[in-house]
Every structure is written in C-alpha cells, then in structure tokens.
Amino acid sequence: MHDYSSNPAPSEKIDALTQILCGLRLDGVDYERCQLTGDWSFFYPAQEDAYFHFIAGKKCWFSKAEGEWSELAAGDAVLLPRGSAHILASSPELTPLPFRQRERRSCPAAINGVSSSKFETSDVSRFFCGSMRFNLDSLHPLMDMMPNAMRATDLMTSEPVIPHLMEAMISECTLSRVGASGMLARLADVMAAQIIRAWIEKSSEDSDGWIAAVRDPHVGKVLAAIHADPGHDWNVVKLAGLMGASRSSFAQKFTAIVGKTPARYITEVRMHQARAWITRDGMRITEVAYQLGYDSEAAFSRAFKRVIGMAPSKMRSSGNA
C-alpha cells in the first residue's frame, strides 16, 4: 500500500512506522456496483475480509452493529477493516434484508452488478461495495488498533487529492462507459489506502500504545527491524545494539513502552505471520517453521498454539483465519 520512492532517503531518515507500512497491502476480492431506486435496506454480516462502500448517488444511511446511524452523501466512503456487521439503507426506519452474497473469486477481483429493473437518473441510489483483503494477519497490532469503521470525510477533509479521487469514482459510477467497473475497482483500492493512511496520520498526532511505541525514535528502530525480518535470530543483545543501549536498559524501556517483553513481542509477530502464511497462502507448516527460524516443527507448533490458541495443523484443516 505504501512504498518508498525510486530515490529513497537514507534509511536513518525513514521513520519506523513508514518502514512497517511499506509491507502493508490491501487487495480487492470482489465488488458490487449497485443502482437502486425506491426503498431499500441491506444487512452485511460479519466476515473475515474488510468491507468498503463508496456512495455515488442519493444520500443513504449507514449503521454499525451498535445501532448508531450516519448519513452518507455522494463522494463519501466507509472502510470496515475487520469486516464488521453493518447496514446500508435508504432510510433508517426500514427492515434490512441480507445483501446478496456471491461466491468469492481469486484476483483479479470479481465485479458484479445489482440494479433495480427501472430507474430515473434523478432518483437513483448508486454505490460501489467491495470486499478487500489485508496481507496482515488480523491479530497484527496495527489491525487490532483500527476502529471498526473509518469514514473518508471524517479523516480526509484536508487531503488535496481526495476531491479529485471522489469525483473520478462518482463519474465512473454514473456513466456507463466501457471498463467502468474495472476502473472503479482500482480507484476503490486507492481510496481505501488513503483512508488508512489518513487514520494513521491522525492517530499519530495524539496516540499511545503501539503507534506511540513505533514513533519512539529508539524503540521504533527495534520494532521496524523485527517486522521487516521476523525469522531472524533476534536476541536481547542484537536488539539492544540497534537501540544503542545496554541489555538491561533496552529490556526495561522496550517493556515499558510496548507493554510486552521483547521475547513475547517477537513470538507474537512470528505467529501472526505464520497464521497468515498458513491460512492465506497455504504454506506447509514445516516451511513456515523454517522461515521463522525454528529448529523443529514441534517447537514452532508449541509457540503457535500458545499465542494463537490452537495447533497450526488444526487451523489448516478447519480453514480458520
């Protein structure tokens, strides 16, 4: 989602959060291009993948599971990074029906259409809905910190590129041009990435927890190194050297800021990566153990079960994510 330029700055000038974000990817899985008239209300059940909605026509209403309603105008977008249950409706008073689910397809994203039989241009609800997949495991600290729903207009009012992006998406939704759905899919990916970046930048202004830890000039270097190469043979001596501190002062500061010991944090990062490799990429458990620096599959499996809560072989066979 975020990459360095073709002429990157020296590594010491690139902050740790940017380094970690360079590995974040968000890809469309499937999309629905909808044009509806009259009264309508759709319920979207919880799912593993993220939800994305872009409004291009009449205003509509959005509600999270908690029941609070927000009005969405043309050009607004909502990203639900953890696939939380929610409702889209032409009016909050309507009883929602389950939104039609189609069979998921592999990339490139499948793009389907939902239309009412007849509609007038001046009285049509147009929205572009999608399911998106992060390359990060859902237990990654960045994923864990994201709110259930992120709204574009709440985060990006000062972003100079956003009005142009919104105008392009509205145009593609409104005009039945050749290749419109494909263009919308690519624009949706960019819009979702912009929403996440805006949320991170806004959170960084007054944050604590993991983002504050990554922003720390000393601890951040260590976290970036761990995330860049979780399979490396990390130990307290090597990590303290990255910080330029003694073993004791490093361990004390790391635990105070991150809230976990270095050993615990490294293990969790490895197991989050392992879960993604096993469930998303279908990698063999022996290969995962080797890539993450474990001497045996048994040692890896014990660590995996301790962090994730089930054996890696059971997760593979059950299809859990």
C-alpha atoms as a PDB file:
ATOM      1  CA  MET A   1       0.000   0.000   0.000  1.00  0.00           C
ATOM      2  CA  HIS A   2       2.879   2.385   0.786  1.00  0.00           C
ATOM      3  CA  ASP A   3       6.242   2.252  -0.973  1.00  0.00           C
ATOM      4  CA  TYR A   4       9.456   4.202  -0.969  1.00  0.00           C
ATOM      5  CA  SER A   5      10.226   6.441  -3.932  1.00  0.00           C
ATOM      6  CA  SER A   6      12.629   5.423  -6.681  1.00  0.00           C
ATOM      7  CA  ASN A   7      15.247   7.558  -4.914  1.00  0.00           C
ATOM      8  CA  PRO A   8      14.704   6.651  -1.271  1.00  0.00           C
ATOM      9  CA  ALA A   9      16.098   8.728   1.514  1.00  0.00           C
ATOM     10  CA  PRO A  10      18.818   7.180   3.666  1.00  0.00           C
ATOM     11  CA  SER A  11      17.385   4.512   5.944  1.00  0.00           C
ATOM     12  CA  GLU A  12      18.061   6.517   9.081  1.00  0.00           C
ATOM     13  CA  LYS A  13      15.790   9.280   7.717  1.00  0.00           C
ATOM     14  CA  ILE A  14      12.863   6.934   7.112  1.00  0.00           C
ATOM     15  CA  ASP A  15      10.791   6.653  10.282  1.00  0.00           C
ATOM     16  CA  ALA A  16       9.959   3.236  11.691  1.00  0.00           C
ATOM     17  CA  LEU A  17       6.217   3.497  11.059  1.00  0.00           C
ATOM     18  CA  THR A  18       6.841   4.172   7.364  1.00  0.00           C
ATOM     19  CA  GLN A  19       9.103   1.112   7.186  1.00  0.00           C
ATOM     20  CA  ILE A  20       6.407  -1.097   8.705  1.00  0.00           C
ATOM     21  CA  LEU A  21       3.691   0.354   6.457  1.00  0.00           C
ATOM     22  CA  CYS A  22       5.772  -0.468   3.390  1.00  0.00           C
ATOM     23  CA  GLY A  23       4.774  -4.088   3.944  1.00  0.00           C
ATOM     24  CA  LEU A  24       1.030  -3.381   4.213  1.00  0.00           C
ATOM     25  CA  ARG A  25      -1.091  -4.422   1.230  1.00  0.00           C
ATOM     26  CA  LEU A  26      -4.836  -4.265   0.622  1.00  0.00           C
ATOM     27  CA  ASP A  27      -6.302  -6.054  -2.397  1.00  0.00           C
ATOM     28  CA  GLY A  28      -9.857  -6.224  -3.715  1.00  0.00           C
ATOM     29  CA  VAL A  29     -11.519  -9.645  -3.574  1.00  0.00           C
ATOM     30  CA  ASP A  30     -14.903  -8.849  -5.136  1.00  0.00           C
ATOM     31  CA  TYR A  31     -17.072  -5.823  -5.806  1.00  0.00           C
ATOM     32  CA  GLU A  32     -20.722  -4.955  -6.416  1.00  0.00           C
ATOM     33  CA  ARG A  33     -21.777  -1.954  -8.492  1.00  0.00           C
ATOM     34  CA  CYS A  34     -25.299  -1.106  -7.337  1.00  0.00           C
ATOM     35  CA  GLN A  35     -28.022   1.110  -8.822  1.00  0.00           C
ATOM     36  CA  LEU A  36     -31.331   1.102  -6.938  1.00  0.00           C
ATOM     37  CA  THR A  37     -34.497   3.154  -6.617  1.00  0.00           C
ATOM     38  CA  GLY A  38     -37.254   3.286  -4.041  1.00  0.00           C
ATOM     39  CA  ASP A  39     -36.851   1.997  -0.514  1.00  0.00           C
ATOM     40  CA  TRP A  40     -34.054  -0.449   0.247  1.00  0.00           C
ATOM     41  CA  SER A  41     -32.078  -1.673   3.232  1.00  0.00           C
ATOM     42  CA  PHE A  42     -29.271  -4.230   3.234  1.00  0.00           C
ATOM     43  CA  PHE A  43     -27.632  -6.078   6.119  1.00  0.00           C
ATOM     44  CA  TYR A  44     -23.995  -7.085   5.658  1.00  0.00           C
ATOM     45  CA  PRO A  45     -22.942  -9.896   8.034  1.00  0.00           C
ATOM     46  CA  ALA A  46     -19.557 -10.054   9.718  1.00  0.00           C
ATOM     47  CA  GLN A  47     -16.825 -11.550   7.553  1.00  0.00           C
ATOM     48  CA  GLU A  48     -13.077 -12.139   7.588  1.00  0.00           C
ATOM     49  CA  ASP A  49     -12.303  -9.647   4.803  1.00  0.00           C
ATOM     50  CA  ALA A  50     -12.697  -5.879   5.036  1.00  0.00           C
ATOM     51  CA  TYR A  51     -15.792  -4.136   3.669  1.00  0.00           C
ATOM     52  CA  PHE A  52     -15.659  -0.999   1.528  1.00  0.00           C
ATOM     53  CA  HIS A  53     -18.573   1.205   0.407  1.00  0.00           C
ATOM     54  CA  PHE A  54     -18.480   4.264  -1.840  1.00  0.00           C
ATOM     55  CA  ILE A  55     -21.608   6.403  -2.314  1.00  0.00           C
ATOM     56  CA  ALA A  56     -22.112   7.988  -5.739  1.00  0.00           C
ATOM     57  CA  GLY A  57     -25.802   8.902  -5.947  1.00  0.00           C
ATOM     58  CA  LYS A  58     -28.522   9.864  -3.489  1.00  0.00           C
ATOM     59  CA  LYS A  59     -27.717  10.117   0.182  1.00  0.00           C
ATOM     60  CA  CYS A  60     -28.117   6.928   2.171  1.00  0.00           C
ATOM     61  CA  TRP A  61     -27.686   5.761   5.756  1.00  0.00           C
ATOM     62  CA  PHE A  62     -25.024   3.633   7.415  1.00  0.00           C
ATOM     63  CA  SER A  63     -25.208   1.860  10.769  1.00  0.00           C
ATOM     64  CA  LYS A  64     -22.685  -0.257  12.645  1.00  0.00           C
ATOM     65  CA  ALA A  65     -23.807  -3.135  14.839  1.00  0.00           C
ATOM     66  CA  GLU A  66     -24.185  -0.725  17.784  1.00  0.00           C
ATOM     67  CA  GLY A  67     -27.181   0.857  16.062  1.00  0.00           C
ATOM     68  CA  GLU A  68     -25.987   4.455  15.549  1.00  0.00           C
ATOM     69  CA  TRP A  69     -26.894   5.848  12.123  1.00  0.00           C
ATOM     70  CA  SER A  70     -24.791   8.160   9.956  1.00  0.00           C
ATOM     71  CA  GLU A  71     -25.904   9.840   6.740  1.00  0.00           C
ATOM     72  CA  LEU A  72     -23.580   9.320   3.767  1.00  0.00           C
ATOM     73  CA  ALA A  73     -23.594  11.796   0.891  1.00  0.00           C
ATOM     74  CA  ALA A  74     -22.280  11.360  -2.632  1.00  0.00           C
ATOM     75  CA  GLY A  75     -18.496  11.077  -2.577  1.00  0.00           C
ATOM     76  CA  ASP A  76     -18.304   9.587   0.906  1.00  0.00           C
ATOM     77  CA  ALA A  77     -16.706   6.212   1.591  1.00  0.00           C
ATOM     78  CA  VAL A  78     -16.613   3.820   4.538  1.00  0.00           C
ATOM     79  CA  LEU A  79     -13.984   1.169   5.239  1.00  0.00           C
ATOM     80  CA  LEU A  80     -14.643  -1.571   7.805  1.00  0.00           C
ATOM     81  CA  PRO A  81     -11.186  -3.157   8.159  1.00  0.00           C
ATOM     82  CA  ARG A  82     -12.279  -6.172  10.217  1.00  0.00           C
ATOM     83  CA  GLY A  83     -15.416  -6.912   8.209  1.00  0.00           C
ATOM     84  CA  SER A  84     -17.813  -5.893  10.986  1.00  0.00           C
ATOM     85  CA  ALA A  85     -21.556  -6.408  10.548  1.00  0.00           C
ATOM     86  CA  HIS A  86     -23.437  -3.297   9.420  1.00  0.00           C
ATOM     87  CA  ILE A  87     -26.410  -1.911   7.464  1.00  0.00           C
ATOM     88  CA  LEU A  88     -26.748   0.343   4.417  1.00  0.00           C
ATOM     89  CA  ALA A  89     -30.227   1.730   3.791  1.00  0.00           C
ATOM     90  CA  SER A  90     -32.184   4.441   2.017  1.00  0.00           C
ATOM     91  CA  SER A  91     -33.876   5.119   5.382  1.00  0.00           C
ATOM     92  CA  PRO A  92     -33.105   4.035   8.979  1.00  0.00           C
ATOM     93  CA  GLU A  93     -36.753   3.042   9.510  1.00  0.00           C
ATOM     94  CA  LEU A  94     -36.651   0.133   7.054  1.00  0.00           C
ATOM     95  CA  THR A  95     -36.193  -3.521   7.980  1.00  0.00           C
ATOM     96  CA  PRO A  96     -32.941  -4.708   6.376  1.00  0.00           C
ATOM     97  CA  LEU A  97     -32.647  -7.719   4.120  1.00  0.00           C
ATOM     98  CA  PRO A  98     -29.430  -9.728   3.729  1.00  0.00           C
ATOM     99  CA  PHE A  99     -27.314  -8.371   0.907  1.00  0.00           C
ATOM    100  CA  ARG A 100     -26.870 -10.920  -1.848  1.00  0.00           C
ATOM    101  CA  GLN A 101     -23.571 -12.716  -1.395  1.00  0.00           C
ATOM    102  CA  ARG A 102     -21.751 -14.145  -4.366  1.00  0.00           C
ATOM    103  CA  GLU A 103     -19.094 -16.796  -4.469  1.00  0.00           C
ATOM    104  CA  ARG A 104     -15.665 -15.312  -3.880  1.00  0.00           C
ATOM    105  CA  ARG A 105     -13.196 -15.437  -6.719  1.00  0.00           C
ATOM    106  CA  SER A 106      -9.453 -15.122  -6.851  1.00  0.00           C
ATOM    107  CA  CYS A 107      -7.701 -11.982  -8.098  1.00  0.00           C
ATOM    108  CA  PRO A 108      -8.307 -10.057 -10.216  1.00  0.00           C
ATOM    109  CA  ALA A 109     -11.380  -9.060  -8.275  1.00  0.00           C
ATOM    110  CA  ALA A 110     -14.769 -10.188  -9.491  1.00  0.00           C
ATOM    111  CA  ILE A 111     -17.049  -7.243 -10.272  1.00  0.00           C
ATOM    112  CA  ASN A 112     -20.790  -7.830 -10.244  1.00  0.00           C
ATOM    113  CA  GLY A 113     -23.853  -5.640 -10.697  1.00  0.00           C
ATOM    114  CA  VAL A 114     -27.059  -5.139  -8.770  1.00  0.00           C
ATOM    115  CA  SER A 115     -29.805  -2.999 -10.363  1.00  0.00           C
ATOM    116  CA  SER A 116     -33.489  -2.333  -9.991  1.00  0.00           C
ATOM    117  CA  SER A 117     -35.495  -3.022 -13.135  1.00  0.00           C
ATOM    118  CA  LYS A 118     -36.231   0.648 -13.887  1.00  0.00           C
ATOM    119  CA  PHE A 119     -34.930   3.896 -12.525  1.00  0.00           C
ATOM    120  CA  GLU A 120     -34.812   7.590 -13.274  1.00  0.00           C
ATOM    121  CA  THR A 121     -31.418   9.269 -13.312  1.00  0.00           C
ATOM    122  CA  SER A 122     -32.543  11.899 -10.812  1.00  0.00           C
ATOM    123  CA  ASP A 123     -33.752   9.369  -8.257  1.00  0.00           C
ATOM    124  CA  VAL A 124     -31.207   6.590  -8.073  1.00  0.00           C
ATOM    125  CA  SER A 125     -29.036   5.285  -5.267  1.00  0.00           C
ATOM    126  CA  ARG A 126     -25.628   4.401  -6.605  1.00  0.00           C
ATOM    127  CA  PHE A 127     -22.946   2.792  -4.522  1.00  0.00           C
ATOM    128  CA  PHE A 128     -19.899   0.653  -5.094  1.00  0.00           C
ATOM    129  CA  CYS A 129     -19.353  -2.059  -2.499  1.00  0.00           C
ATOM    130  CA  GLY A 130     -16.368  -4.298  -2.109  1.00  0.00           C
ATOM    131  CA  SER A 131     -14.611  -6.885  -0.014  1.00  0.00           C
ATOM    132  CA  MET A 132     -10.898  -6.352   0.467  1.00  0.00           C
ATOM    133  CA  ARG A 133      -8.157  -8.497   1.950  1.00  0.00           C
ATOM    134  CA  PHE A 134      -5.216  -7.306   4.010  1.00  0.00           C
ATOM    135  CA  ASN A 135      -1.938  -9.149   3.770  1.00  0.00           C
ATOM    136  CA  LEU A 136      -1.535  -8.598   7.521  1.00  0.00           C
ATOM    137  CA  ASP A 137      -2.931 -11.080   9.997  1.00  0.00           C
ATOM    138  CA  SER A 138      -5.985  -9.797  11.853  1.00  0.00           C
ATOM    139  CA  LEU A 139      -4.018 -10.056  15.127  1.00  0.00           C
ATOM    140  CA  HIS A 140      -1.305  -7.666  13.921  1.00  0.00           C
ATOM    141  CA  PRO A 141      -1.138  -4.691  16.322  1.00  0.00           C
ATOM    142  CA  LEU A 142      -1.890  -2.229  13.520  1.00  0.00           C
ATOM    143  CA  MET A 143      -5.024  -4.175  12.560  1.00  0.00           C
ATOM    144  CA  ASP A 144      -6.036  -4.509  16.194  1.00  0.00           C
ATOM    145  CA  MET A 145      -5.856  -0.728  16.703  1.00  0.00           C
ATOM    146  CA  MET A 146      -8.031   0.180  13.724  1.00  0.00           C
ATOM    147  CA  PRO A 147     -11.612   1.190  14.569  1.00  0.00           C
ATOM    148  CA  ASN A 148     -14.474  -0.971  13.329  1.00  0.00           C
ATOM    149  CA  ALA A 149     -15.395   1.648  10.725  1.00  0.00           C
ATOM    150  CA  MET A 150     -13.437   4.503   9.143  1.00  0.00           C
ATOM    151  CA  ARG A 151     -15.287   7.177   7.169  1.00  0.00           C
ATOM    152  CA  ALA A 152     -13.470   9.114   4.460  1.00  0.00           C
ATOM    153  CA  THR A 153     -14.994  12.540   5.158  1.00  0.00           C
ATOM    154  CA  ASP A 154     -14.156  12.256   8.857  1.00  0.00           C
ATOM    155  CA  LEU A 155     -10.475  11.683   8.128  1.00  0.00           C
ATOM    156  CA  MET A 156      -9.553  13.342   4.869  1.00  0.00           C
ATOM    157  CA  THR A 157     -11.151  16.800   4.707  1.00  0.00           C
ATOM    158  CA  SER A 158      -7.742  18.416   4.196  1.00  0.00           C
ATOM    159  CA  GLU A 159      -6.342  15.862   1.724  1.00  0.00           C
ATOM    160  CA  PRO A 160      -5.842  17.709  -1.597  1.00  0.00           C
ATOM    161  CA  VAL A 161      -6.076  14.578  -3.758  1.00  0.00           C
ATOM    162  CA  ILE A 162      -9.313  13.236  -2.267  1.00  0.00           C
ATOM    163  CA  PRO A 163     -11.827  15.539  -4.035  1.00  0.00           C
ATOM    164  CA  HIS A 164     -10.370  14.518  -7.399  1.00  0.00           C
ATOM    165  CA  LEU A 165     -10.463  10.848  -6.440  1.00  0.00           C
ATOM    166  CA  MET A 166     -14.067  11.144  -5.288  1.00  0.00           C
ATOM    167  CA  GLU A 167     -15.055  12.956  -8.495  1.00  0.00           C
ATOM    168  CA  ALA A 168     -13.449  10.218 -10.591  1.00  0.00           C
ATOM    169  CA  MET A 169     -15.311   7.489  -8.678  1.00  0.00           C
ATOM    170  CA  ILE A 170     -18.645   9.304  -8.958  1.00  0.00           C
ATOM    171  CA  SER A 171     -18.090   9.714 -12.686  1.00  0.00           C
ATOM    172  CA  GLU A 172     -17.314   6.025 -13.187  1.00  0.00           C
ATOM    173  CA  CYS A 173     -20.352   5.018 -11.120  1.00  0.00           C
ATOM    174  CA  THR A 174     -22.675   7.358 -13.002  1.00  0.00           C
ATOM    175  CA  LEU A 175     -21.552   6.925 -16.597  1.00  0.00           C
ATOM    176  CA  SER A 176     -21.871   3.537 -18.274  1.00  0.00           C
ATOM    177  CA  ARG A 177     -18.517   3.721 -20.002  1.00  0.00           C
ATOM    178  CA  VAL A 178     -16.506   0.743 -21.215  1.00  0.00           C
ATOM    179  CA  GLY A 179     -14.329  -0.619 -18.426  1.00  0.00           C
ATOM    180  CA  ALA A 180     -16.044   1.453 -15.711  1.00  0.00           C
ATOM    181  CA  SER A 181     -16.192  -1.402 -13.223  1.00  0.00           C
ATOM    182  CA  GLY A 182     -12.507  -2.164 -13.607  1.00  0.00           C
ATOM    183  CA  MET A 183     -11.615   1.482 -13.104  1.00  0.00           C
ATOM    184  CA  LEU A 184     -13.808   1.603 -10.002  1.00  0.00           C
ATOM    185  CA  ALA A 185     -12.073  -1.430  -8.534  1.00  0.00           C
ATOM    186  CA  ARG A 186      -8.662   0.223  -8.862  1.00  0.00           C
ATOM    187  CA  LEU A 187      -9.928   3.553  -7.560  1.00  0.00           C
ATOM    188  CA  ALA A 188     -11.547   1.785  -4.596  1.00  0.00           C
ATOM    189  CA  ASP A 189      -8.216   0.207  -3.666  1.00  0.00           C
ATOM    190  CA  VAL A 190      -6.579   3.653  -3.732  1.00  0.00           C
ATOM    191  CA  MET A 191      -9.410   5.228  -1.724  1.00  0.00           C
ATOM    192  CA  ALA A 192      -9.169   2.529   0.973  1.00  0.00           C
ATOM    193  CA  ALA A 193      -5.406   3.026   1.184  1.00  0.00           C
ATOM    194  CA  GLN A 194      -5.910   6.778   1.555  1.00  0.00           C
ATOM    195  CA  ILE A 195      -8.407   6.222   4.377  1.00  0.00           C
ATOM    196  CA  ILE A 196      -5.944   4.037   6.276  1.00  0.00           C
ATOM    197  CA  ARG A 197      -3.076   6.482   5.777  1.00  0.00           C
ATOM    198  CA  ALA A 198      -5.216   9.399   6.971  1.00  0.00           C
ATOM    199  CA  TRP A 199      -6.274   7.433  10.060  1.00  0.00           C
ATOM    200  CA  ILE A 200      -2.668   6.568  10.892  1.00  0.00           C
ATOM    201  CA  GLU A 201      -1.512  10.162  10.480  1.00  0.00           C
ATOM    202  CA  LYS A 202      -4.382  11.446  12.603  1.00  0.00           C
ATOM    203  CA  SER A 203      -3.755   8.801  15.264  1.00  0.00           C
ATOM    204  CA  SER A 204      -0.057   9.636  15.349  1.00  0.00           C
ATOM    205  CA  GLU A 205      -0.771  13.209  16.400  1.00  0.00           C
ATOM    206  CA  ASP A 206      -2.015  12.152  19.821  1.00  0.00           C
ATOM    207  CA  SER A 207      -1.504   8.441  20.297  1.00  0.00           C
ATOM    208  CA  ASP A 208      -0.373   5.886  22.792  1.00  0.00           C
ATOM    209  CA  GLY A 209       0.049   2.136  22.626  1.00  0.00           C
ATOM    210  CA  TRP A 210       1.628   0.522  19.577  1.00  0.00           C
ATOM    211  CA  ILE A 211       1.726   3.588  17.308  1.00  0.00           C
ATOM    212  CA  ALA A 212       3.397   5.614  20.060  1.00  0.00           C
ATOM    213  CA  ALA A 213       5.917   2.801  20.504  1.00  0.00           C
ATOM    214  CA  VAL A 214       6.722   2.775  16.781  1.00  0.00           C
ATOM    215  CA  ARG A 215       7.053   6.564  16.793  1.00  0.00           C
ATOM    216  CA  ASP A 216       9.600   6.410  19.629  1.00  0.00           C
ATOM    217  CA  PRO A 217      12.968   7.211  17.986  1.00  0.00           C
ATOM    218  CA  HIS A 218      14.742   4.379  19.808  1.00  0.00           C
ATOM    219  CA  VAL A 219      12.163   1.617  20.256  1.00  0.00           C
ATOM    220  CA  GLY A 220      10.772   2.278  16.781  1.00  0.00           C
ATOM    221  CA  LYS A 221      14.024   1.143  15.169  1.00  0.00           C
ATOM    222  CA  VAL A 222      13.755  -2.161  17.004  1.00  0.00           C
ATOM    223  CA  LEU A 223      10.111  -2.726  16.077  1.00  0.00           C
ATOM    224  CA  ALA A 224      10.772  -1.941  12.414  1.00  0.00           C
ATOM    225  CA  ALA A 225      13.656  -4.430  12.342  1.00  0.00           C
ATOM    226  CA  ILE A 226      11.546  -7.169  13.933  1.00  0.00           C
ATOM    227  CA  HIS A 227       8.658  -6.657  11.492  1.00  0.00           C
ATOM    228  CA  ALA A 228      10.999  -6.477   8.499  1.00  0.00           C
ATOM    229  CA  ASP A 229      12.568  -9.859   9.298  1.00  0.00           C
ATOM    230  CA  PRO A 230      10.626 -11.796  11.966  1.00  0.00           C
ATOM    231  CA  GLY A 231      12.536 -15.010  11.188  1.00  0.00           C
ATOM    232  CA  HIS A 232      15.905 -13.507  12.105  1.00  0.00           C
ATOM    233  CA  ASP A 233      17.665 -14.917  15.153  1.00  0.00           C
ATOM    234  CA  TRP A 234      16.811 -11.955  17.345  1.00  0.00           C
ATOM    235  CA  ASN A 235      18.035 -11.774  20.932  1.00  0.00           C
ATOM    236  CA  VAL A 236      18.330  -9.064  23.571  1.00  0.00           C
ATOM    237  CA  VAL A 237      21.967  -8.340  22.698  1.00  0.00           C
ATOM    238  CA  LYS A 238      21.207  -7.699  18.998  1.00  0.00           C
ATOM    239  CA  LEU A 239      18.116  -5.635  19.723  1.00  0.00           C
ATOM    240  CA  ALA A 240      19.873  -3.583  22.388  1.00  0.00           C
ATOM    241  CA  GLY A 241      22.592  -2.872  19.840  1.00  0.00           C
ATOM    242  CA  LEU A 242      20.004  -1.485  17.428  1.00  0.00           C
ATOM    243  CA  MET A 243      18.816   0.870  20.133  1.00  0.00           C
ATOM    244  CA  GLY A 244      22.338   1.707  21.243  1.00  0.00           C
ATOM    245  CA  ALA A 245      21.628   0.749  24.836  1.00  0.00           C
ATOM    246  CA  SER A 246      22.693  -1.829  27.391  1.00  0.00           C
ATOM    247  CA  ARG A 247      20.740  -5.079  27.646  1.00  0.00           C
ATOM    248  CA  SER A 248      19.061  -4.102  30.904  1.00  0.00           C
ATOM    249  CA  SER A 249      18.114  -0.564  29.894  1.00  0.00           C
ATOM    250  CA  PHE A 250      16.863  -1.786  26.500  1.00  0.00           C
ATOM    251  CA  ALA A 251      14.663  -4.503  28.016  1.00  0.00           C
ATOM    252  CA  GLN A 252      13.275  -2.078  30.590  1.00  0.00           C
ATOM    253  CA  LYS A 253      12.449   0.657  28.084  1.00  0.00           C
ATOM    254  CA  PHE A 254      11.017  -1.741  25.479  1.00  0.00           C
ATOM    255  CA  THR A 255       8.693  -3.390  28.005  1.00  0.00           C
ATOM    256  CA  ALA A 256       7.610  -0.033  29.451  1.00  0.00           C
ATOM    257  CA  ILE A 257       6.686   1.450  26.045  1.00  0.00           C
ATOM    258  CA  VAL A 258       5.431  -1.616  24.166  1.00  0.00           C
ATOM    259  CA  GLY A 259       3.784  -3.294  27.143  1.00  0.00           C
ATOM    260  CA  LYS A 260       5.411  -6.668  26.420  1.00  0.00           C
ATOM    261  CA  THR A 261       8.852  -8.164  26.805  1.00  0.00           C
ATOM    262  CA  PRO A 262      10.989  -8.278  23.644  1.00  0.00           C
ATOM    263  CA  ALA A 263      10.783 -12.078  23.561  1.00  0.00           C
ATOM    264  CA  ARG A 264       6.993 -12.065  23.808  1.00  0.00           C
ATOM    265  CA  TYR A 265       6.632  -9.415  21.116  1.00  0.00           C
ATOM    266  CA  ILE A 266       8.921 -11.284  18.697  1.00  0.00           C
ATOM    267  CA  THR A 267       6.995 -14.516  19.234  1.00  0.00           C
ATOM    268  CA  GLU A 268       3.656 -12.795  18.594  1.00  0.00           C
ATOM    269  CA  VAL A 269       4.905 -11.148  15.395  1.00  0.00           C
ATOM    270  CA  ARG A 270       6.182 -14.513  14.163  1.00  0.00           C
ATOM    271  CA  MET A 271       2.925 -16.291  14.939  1.00  0.00           C
ATOM    272  CA  HIS A 272       0.832 -13.587  13.265  1.00  0.00           C
ATOM    273  CA  GLN A 273       2.972 -14.017  10.159  1.00  0.00           C
ATOM    274  CA  ALA A 274       2.693 -17.780  10.445  1.00  0.00           C
ATOM    275  CA  ARG A 275      -1.090 -17.679  10.658  1.00  0.00           C
ATOM    276  CA  ALA A 276      -1.267 -15.553   7.506  1.00  0.00           C
ATOM    277  CA  TRP A 277       1.079 -17.889   5.633  1.00  0.00           C
ATOM    278  CA  ILE A 278      -0.872 -20.981   6.677  1.00  0.00           C
ATOM    279  CA  THR A 279      -4.432 -19.739   6.159  1.00  0.00           C
ATOM    280  CA  ARG A 280      -3.958 -17.310   3.271  1.00  0.00           C
ATOM    281  CA  ASP A 281      -1.060 -18.787   1.306  1.00  0.00           C
ATOM    282  CA  GLY A 282      -1.455 -22.463   2.163  1.00  0.00           C
ATOM    283  CA  MET A 283       2.214 -22.788   3.122  1.00  0.00           C
ATOM    284  CA  ARG A 284       3.313 -26.079   4.624  1.00  0.00           C
ATOM    285  CA  ILE A 285       3.842 -25.985   8.385  1.00  0.00           C
ATOM    286  CA  THR A 286       7.390 -27.306   8.097  1.00  0.00           C
ATOM    287  CA  GLU A 287       8.249 -24.493   5.691  1.00  0.00           C
ATOM    288  CA  VAL A 288       6.657 -21.875   7.966  1.00  0.00           C
ATOM    289  CA  ALA A 289       8.683 -23.159  10.915  1.00  0.00           C
ATOM    290  CA  TYR A 290      11.891 -22.992   8.862  1.00  0.00           C
ATOM    291  CA  GLN A 291      11.200 -19.489   7.526  1.00  0.00           C
ATOM    292  CA  LEU A 292      10.599 -18.197  11.056  1.00  0.00           C
ATOM    293  CA  GLY A 293      13.812 -19.661  12.431  1.00  0.00           C
ATOM    294  CA  TYR A 294      12.526 -22.622  14.431  1.00  0.00           C
ATOM    295  CA  ASP A 295      14.724 -25.703  14.717  1.00  0.00           C
ATOM    296  CA  SER A 296      11.772 -28.091  14.608  1.00  0.00           C
ATOM    297  CA  GLU A 297       8.129 -28.180  13.632  1.00  0.00           C
ATOM    298  CA  ALA A 298       7.282 -29.288  17.180  1.00  0.00           C
ATOM    299  CA  ALA A 299       8.881 -26.188  18.727  1.00  0.00           C
ATOM    300  CA  PHE A 300       7.075 -23.956  16.266  1.00  0.00           C
ATOM    301  CA  SER A 301       3.739 -25.695  16.886  1.00  0.00           C
ATOM    302  CA  ARG A 302       4.056 -25.196  20.641  1.00  0.00           C
ATOM    303  CA  ALA A 303       4.708 -21.479  20.190  1.00  0.00           C
ATOM    304  CA  PHE A 304       1.873 -21.166  17.686  1.00  0.00           C
ATOM    305  CA  LYS A 305      -0.655 -22.824  19.990  1.00  0.00           C
ATOM    306  CA  ARG A 306       0.486 -20.694  22.936  1.00  0.00           C
ATOM    307  CA  VAL A 307      -0.120 -17.441  21.017  1.00  0.00           C
ATOM    308  CA  ILE A 308      -2.961 -18.278  18.615  1.00  0.00           C
ATOM    309  CA  GLY A 309      -4.832 -20.766  20.792  1.00  0.00           C
ATOM    310  CA  MET A 310      -4.833 -23.802  18.512  1.00  0.00           C
ATOM    311  CA  ALA A 311      -2.340 -26.025  16.768  1.00  0.00           C
ATOM    312  CA  PRO A 312      -1.307 -24.921  13.268  1.00  0.00           C
ATOM    313  CA  SER A 313      -2.374 -28.283  11.824  1.00  0.00           C
ATOM    314  CA  LYS A 314      -5.863 -27.828  13.283  1.00  0.00           C
ATOM    315  CA  MET A 315      -6.125 -24.312  11.890  1.00  0.00           C
ATOM    316  CA  ARG A 316      -5.182 -25.533   8.433  1.00  0.00           C
ATOM    317  CA  SER A 317      -7.689 -28.393   8.476  1.00  0.00           C
ATOM    318  CA  SER A 318     -10.542 -26.272   9.862  1.00  0.00           C
ATOM    319  CA  GLY A 319      -9.945 -23.399   7.452  1.00  0.00           C
ATOM    320  CA  ASN A 320      -9.933 -20.800  10.232  1.00  0.00           C
ATOM    321  CA  ALA A 321      -8.362 -17.435   9.575  1.00  0.00           C
END
